[in-house]
């Protein structure tokens, strides 16, 4: 039942069986249907979420109502509005399931108690936060320093095998490209002999 999330934990830390039991005892299952929102702006966020199966996107709307995708969350990813969660402020994000999804959730209070009782989990989540920060910094630098083709190849490394599951316009949005530009990049890569899954239209 908990095998996937336990495997993820043990990828980074080595908790005792007692600590793992305490961790799994506070996890709550959650299921979302495709196009259902997990989070929307203005709400106070009390939980973080681990993706057991499915795919979600995190995005915000600018003042003109344009969508800007900032994250895809697939199996073995944690997702949430971490700024709102840790700083107890209203969320500015939408998080939407673009496939039917099964999640595990953990509340802020349970997480704090877990840190106190089993510090190994504070280390686990600190590693995840650090990796997330590094990933976001790399994405900012990629946007500033790399061309569109290089950004797309970085995306394929970050989210392997996701393209058959995600509409092309979502990928283009995430990369800051038009769908037409993304199609041209894929055509070029195909001509160069790279096998890229073209994904959904």
Foldseek 3Di string as FASTA:
>chain_A
DCVQVVVLLVVQFDFDPVLVVLVVVQKDKDKDAAFDWPAAFPDQDFKKKAWQAAKKWKWAADPVRDIATADMHGHGDIDDQVCRHVVVGTDRIIIGTNHITMIIMGGPVSQVVSCVVPVRVVVSVVVVVVVVVVVVVVLVVCLVPPDLLVNVVVVCVVDPPCQQPDALCNVCSNSVHHSVVVVVSVVVCVVVVDDDDNHHD
